[in-house]
């Protein structure tokens, strides 16, 4: 099993046989001297002061250290902790053959990990903001999201030109048109909104039609067609834009 010191985060590969999974065992970190009770089944770390085992009694140099005042949480050099009976046998010294150290997350590495996490968060926030025009070109519906939070974008279909040719008859109004990419890069073509207007430029009806192609290469063009059956008799003009509503 893998065991990590809660004080210095040194990791140890511990033989499953040396720690009872139910009762756990008191263990000591070889790197910082931290002493605690580890219970695999409960997956918890209990400080040694609250462990069920009898409290350790310092003797010799340890007694002098104890008299000097409370420790800092790390074992002092020359201090020997002795316990009564089975408790003494229950302390597992980490770093031994049965529990070798396999790595430690030092301050330098921890700092790098924190910086890396901060950069990732910043990228997740900043990229959609700074590159919002590209985002809208790729996913036109995102323009509504930017508009809702008060951010301006270049607009849906920026760089694409629309030319229309209307043909009205007694029973229909047929609109043919052509979309042209005026830029030097490939552009995503959003859905088209074809609307009929009256003589006062008031919209009387409209259709949303799918783009004839998904993408237009630089200088490329694509034709589209919309048919209004039995249109409003006041319709005289056509306006074609990009949009889905």
Protein backbone atom coordinates (compact mmCIF):
# COMPACT_ATOMS: atom_id res chain seq x y z
CA UNK A 1 0.00 0.00 0.00
CA UNK A 2 1.02 3.63 -0.45
CA UNK A 3 1.30 5.73 2.69
CA UNK A 4 1.95 9.50 2.73
CA UNK A 5 3.27 11.42 5.72
CA UNK A 6 0.70 14.15 6.58
CA UNK A 7 3.51 16.42 7.79
CA UNK A 8 6.10 16.43 4.98
CA UNK A 9 4.24 14.45 2.29
CA UNK A 10 6.99 11.88 1.89
CA UNK A 11 5.51 8.73 0.36
CA UNK A 12 6.28 5.16 1.38
CA UNK A 13 5.58 1.79 -0.19
CA UNK A 14 4.42 -0.24 2.81
CA UNK A 15 4.12 -4.04 2.87
CA UNK A 16 0.45 -4.87 3.46
CA UNK A 17 1.44 -7.54 5.98
CA UNK A 18 3.02 -5.10 8.45
CA UNK A 19 -0.13 -3.04 9.12
CA UNK A 20 -3.37 -4.57 10.34
CA UNK A 21 -6.07 -3.15 8.05
CA UNK A 22 -8.68 -3.00 10.82
CA UNK A 23 -6.70 -1.90 13.88
CA UNK A 24 -4.06 0.10 12.03
CA UNK A 25 -0.63 0.82 13.42
CA UNK A 26 1.45 3.64 14.86
CA UNK A 27 4.03 4.78 12.30
CA UNK A 28 6.91 7.25 12.26
CA UNK A 29 8.16 9.19 9.22
CA UNK A 30 11.88 8.70 8.56
CA UNK A 31 12.13 12.10 6.87
CA UNK A 32 10.64 14.43 9.50
CA UNK A 33 10.05 12.19 12.53
CA UNK A 34 6.28 12.76 12.58
CA UNK A 35 4.48 10.07 14.60
CA UNK A 36 0.85 9.13 13.92
CA UNK A 37 -1.63 6.25 13.87
CA UNK A 38 -2.50 4.98 10.41
CA UNK A 39 -5.65 2.90 9.85
CA UNK A 40 -5.99 1.63 6.23
CA UNK A 41 -9.62 0.54 6.52
CA UNK A 42 -10.76 3.91 7.83
CA UNK A 43 -8.34 5.74 5.51
CA UNK A 44 -7.65 8.32 8.18
CA UNK A 45 -4.60 9.74 9.91
CA UNK A 46 -4.95 10.17 13.66
CA UNK A 47 -2.22 12.17 15.48
CA UNK A 48 -0.25 10.01 17.90
CA UNK A 49 -1.56 12.01 20.88
CA UNK A 50 -5.08 10.72 20.17
CA UNK A 51 -4.13 7.16 19.19
CA UNK A 52 -5.44 4.28 21.28
CA UNK A 53 -1.93 3.06 22.12
CA UNK A 54 -0.48 4.16 25.51
CA UNK A 55 1.36 7.48 25.43
CA UNK A 56 5.13 7.26 24.96
CA UNK A 57 7.34 8.06 27.97
CA UNK A 58 10.58 9.84 27.12
CA UNK A 59 13.64 8.64 29.05
CA UNK A 60 17.26 9.64 29.11
CA UNK A 61 17.96 12.43 26.65
CA UNK A 62 14.27 12.36 25.76
CA UNK A 63 13.29 13.24 29.34
CA UNK A 64 15.56 16.27 29.24
CA UNK A 65 14.01 17.36 25.97
CA UNK A 66 10.52 16.96 27.39
CA UNK A 67 11.42 19.04 30.43
CA UNK A 68 12.65 21.83 28.17
CA UNK A 69 9.14 22.37 26.84
CA UNK A 70 6.73 21.18 24.13
CA UNK A 71 8.26 19.98 20.89
CA UNK A 72 7.66 21.27 17.42
CA UNK A 73 5.86 18.18 16.14
CA UNK A 74 9.11 16.64 14.80
CA UNK A 75 11.29 14.10 16.61
CA UNK A 76 14.36 15.67 18.29
CA UNK A 77 17.80 14.26 17.67
CA UNK A 78 18.78 11.81 20.42
CA UNK A 79 15.20 11.37 21.64
CA UNK A 80 14.13 7.77 22.25
CA UNK A 81 10.42 7.08 22.64
CA UNK A 82 9.67 4.01 24.71
CA UNK A 83 6.26 2.45 25.24
CA UNK A 84 4.89 -0.36 27.32
CA UNK A 85 4.38 -3.88 26.06
CA UNK A 86 2.83 -4.43 22.63
CA UNK A 87 2.66 -0.68 21.97
CA UNK A 88 6.42 -0.59 21.54
CA UNK A 89 6.20 -3.36 18.99
CA UNK A 90 3.38 -1.60 17.14
CA UNK A 91 5.45 1.41 16.01
CA UNK A 92 6.52 0.98 12.39
CA UNK A 93 9.59 2.94 11.39
CA UNK A 94 8.94 4.17 7.87
CA UNK A 95 11.93 4.11 5.57
CA UNK A 96 12.83 0.57 6.63
CA UNK A 97 12.94 -2.41 4.28
CA UNK A 98 9.26 -3.07 4.95
CA UNK A 99 8.31 0.52 4.19
CA UNK A 100 10.81 2.18 1.82
CA UNK A 101 10.39 5.82 0.79
CA UNK A 102 9.40 6.27 -2.87
CA UNK A 103 9.24 10.03 -3.21
CA UNK A 104 8.60 13.40 -1.65
CA UNK A 105 6.85 16.48 -3.00
CA UNK A 106 9.32 19.21 -2.08
CA UNK A 107 8.55 22.92 -1.84
CA UNK A 108 10.06 23.56 -5.29
CA UNK A 109 7.94 20.93 -7.05
CA UNK A 110 4.88 21.94 -5.07
CA UNK A 111 5.40 25.53 -6.19
CA UNK A 112 5.72 24.47 -9.82
CA UNK A 113 2.51 22.46 -9.57
CA UNK A 114 0.68 25.45 -8.10
CA UNK A 115 2.00 27.76 -10.85
CA UNK A 116 0.99 25.22 -13.50
CA UNK A 117 -2.53 24.97 -12.06
CA UNK A 118 -2.81 28.77 -12.00
CA UNK A 119 -1.72 29.00 -15.64
CA UNK A 120 -4.29 26.41 -16.69
CA UNK A 121 -7.06 28.30 -14.90
CA UNK A 122 -5.91 31.57 -16.48
CA UNK A 123 -5.90 29.97 -19.94
CA UNK A 124 -9.42 28.58 -19.45
CA UNK A 125 -10.64 32.09 -18.54
CA UNK A 126 -8.58 34.27 -20.90
CA UNK A 127 -8.63 32.27 -24.15
CA UNK A 128 -12.43 32.46 -24.61
CA UNK A 129 -12.24 36.21 -23.86
CA UNK A 130 -9.27 37.20 -26.01
CA UNK A 131 -10.11 34.87 -28.88
CA UNK A 132 -13.87 35.37 -28.79
CA UNK A 133 -14.10 36.37 -32.45
CA UNK A 134 -12.51 33.08 -33.46
CA UNK A 135 -14.83 31.24 -31.08
CA UNK A 136 -17.89 32.92 -32.64
CA UNK A 137 -16.66 32.11 -36.15
CA UNK A 138 -16.34 28.43 -35.20
CA UNK A 139 -19.50 28.21 -33.06
CA UNK A 140 -21.88 31.01 -34.14
CA UNK A 141 -24.37 30.35 -31.33
CA UNK A 142 -21.78 31.48 -28.76
CA UNK A 143 -22.34 35.08 -29.91
CA UNK A 144 -25.47 35.11 -27.75
CA UNK A 145 -23.43 34.14 -24.69
CA UNK A 146 -20.91 36.94 -25.23
CA UNK A 147 -23.73 39.41 -25.83
CA UNK A 148 -25.46 38.35 -22.62
CA UNK A 149 -22.36 39.19 -20.54
CA UNK A 150 -21.78 42.48 -22.36
CA UNK A 151 -18.82 41.46 -24.53
CA UNK A 152 -18.71 42.66 -28.13
CA UNK A 153 -17.69 40.32 -30.94
CA UNK A 154 -17.01 40.80 -34.62
CA UNK A 155 -20.46 39.42 -35.34
CA UNK A 156 -21.74 36.24 -36.95
CA UNK A 157 -20.53 35.80 -40.52
CA UNK A 158 -17.87 38.54 -40.40
CA UNK A 159 -15.77 38.24 -43.54
CA UNK A 160 -18.55 36.58 -45.54
CA UNK A 161 -20.41 38.53 -48.21
CA UNK A 162 -24.02 37.76 -49.27
CA UNK A 163 -25.51 38.70 -52.63
CA UNK A 164 -29.17 37.91 -53.38
CA UNK A 165 -31.39 37.83 -56.47
CA UNK A 166 -35.16 37.89 -55.76
CA UNK A 167 -37.76 36.59 -58.20
CA UNK A 168 -41.43 37.21 -57.37
CA UNK A 169 -44.37 35.53 -59.05
CA UNK A 170 -48.07 35.32 -58.29
CA UNK A 171 -47.74 32.27 -56.06
CA UNK A 172 -44.17 32.40 -54.78
CA UNK A 173 -41.17 34.52 -53.96
CA UNK A 174 -37.91 32.75 -54.90
CA UNK A 175 -34.63 34.04 -53.49
CA UNK A 176 -31.31 32.80 -54.88
CA UNK A 177 -28.02 34.03 -53.55
CA UNK A 178 -24.30 33.53 -53.23
CA UNK A 179 -22.02 33.58 -50.16
CA UNK A 180 -18.37 34.59 -50.72
CA UNK A 181 -15.42 34.42 -48.35
CA UNK A 182 -13.64 37.78 -48.62
CA UNK A 183 -10.84 36.94 -46.16
CA UNK A 184 -7.51 35.12 -46.46
CA UNK A 185 -8.52 32.30 -44.11
CA UNK A 186 -11.14 29.57 -44.08
CA UNK A 187 -14.40 30.59 -42.40
CA UNK A 188 -17.30 28.61 -40.94
CA UNK A 189 -20.59 29.43 -42.66
CA UNK A 190 -23.47 29.96 -40.20
CA UNK A 191 -27.18 29.45 -40.98
CA UNK A 192 -28.87 32.10 -43.12
CA UNK A 193 -31.86 34.27 -42.26
CA UNK A 194 -33.75 35.29 -45.41
CA UNK A 195 -36.46 37.89 -44.80
CA UNK A 196 -39.07 39.54 -47.00
CA UNK A 197 -39.70 43.27 -46.50
CA UNK A 198 -42.45 45.55 -47.72
CA UNK A 199 -42.00 48.93 -49.39
CA UNK A 200 -41.39 50.61 -46.01
CA UNK A 201 -38.63 48.07 -45.21
CA UNK A 202 -40.80 46.41 -42.58
CA UNK A 203 -40.21 42.68 -42.29
CA UNK A 204 -43.28 40.66 -43.19
CA UNK A 205 -41.92 37.08 -43.01
CA UNK A 206 -38.65 35.16 -42.91
CA UNK A 207 -37.01 31.74 -43.22
CA UNK A 208 -33.98 30.20 -41.52
CA UNK A 209 -32.08 27.97 -43.95
CA UNK A 210 -29.02 25.81 -43.41
CA UNK A 211 -25.72 26.97 -44.86
CA UNK A 212 -25.01 25.36 -48.24
CA UNK A 213 -21.52 24.38 -46.99
CA UNK A 214 -19.92 24.12 -43.55
CA UNK A 215 -16.71 25.99 -44.44
CA UNK A 216 -15.59 28.35 -47.19
CA UNK A 217 -11.94 28.58 -48.19
CA UNK A 218 -10.39 32.02 -48.90
CA UNK A 219 -12.06 33.47 -52.00
CA UNK A 220 -14.50 30.56 -52.17
CA UNK A 221 -18.23 30.90 -52.75
CA UNK A 222 -21.41 28.84 -52.38
CA UNK A 223 -24.95 29.35 -53.67
CA UNK A 224 -28.21 29.02 -51.73
CA UNK A 225 -31.94 29.15 -52.50
CA UNK A 226 -35.03 29.96 -50.46
CA UNK A 227 -38.63 29.68 -51.66
CA UNK A 228 -41.57 31.48 -50.05
CA UNK A 229 -44.83 29.86 -51.13
CA UNK A 230 -47.79 32.25 -51.22
CA UNK A 231 -45.85 35.15 -49.68
CA UNK A 232 -47.37 38.26 -48.16
CA UNK A 233 -48.70 40.42 -50.99
CA UNK A 234 -46.88 43.47 -49.60
CA UNK A 235 -43.44 41.80 -49.88
CA UNK A 236 -41.25 43.63 -52.37
CA UNK A 237 -37.71 43.29 -51.13
CA UNK A 238 -35.32 40.69 -49.67
CA UNK A 239 -32.72 40.97 -46.88
CA UNK A 240 -30.39 38.03 -46.22
CA UNK A 241 -28.22 37.91 -43.11
CA UNK A 242 -26.55 35.28 -40.93
CA UNK A 243 -28.46 34.09 -37.88
CA UNK A 244 -30.62 31.35 -36.47
CA UNK A 245 -33.62 33.34 -35.24
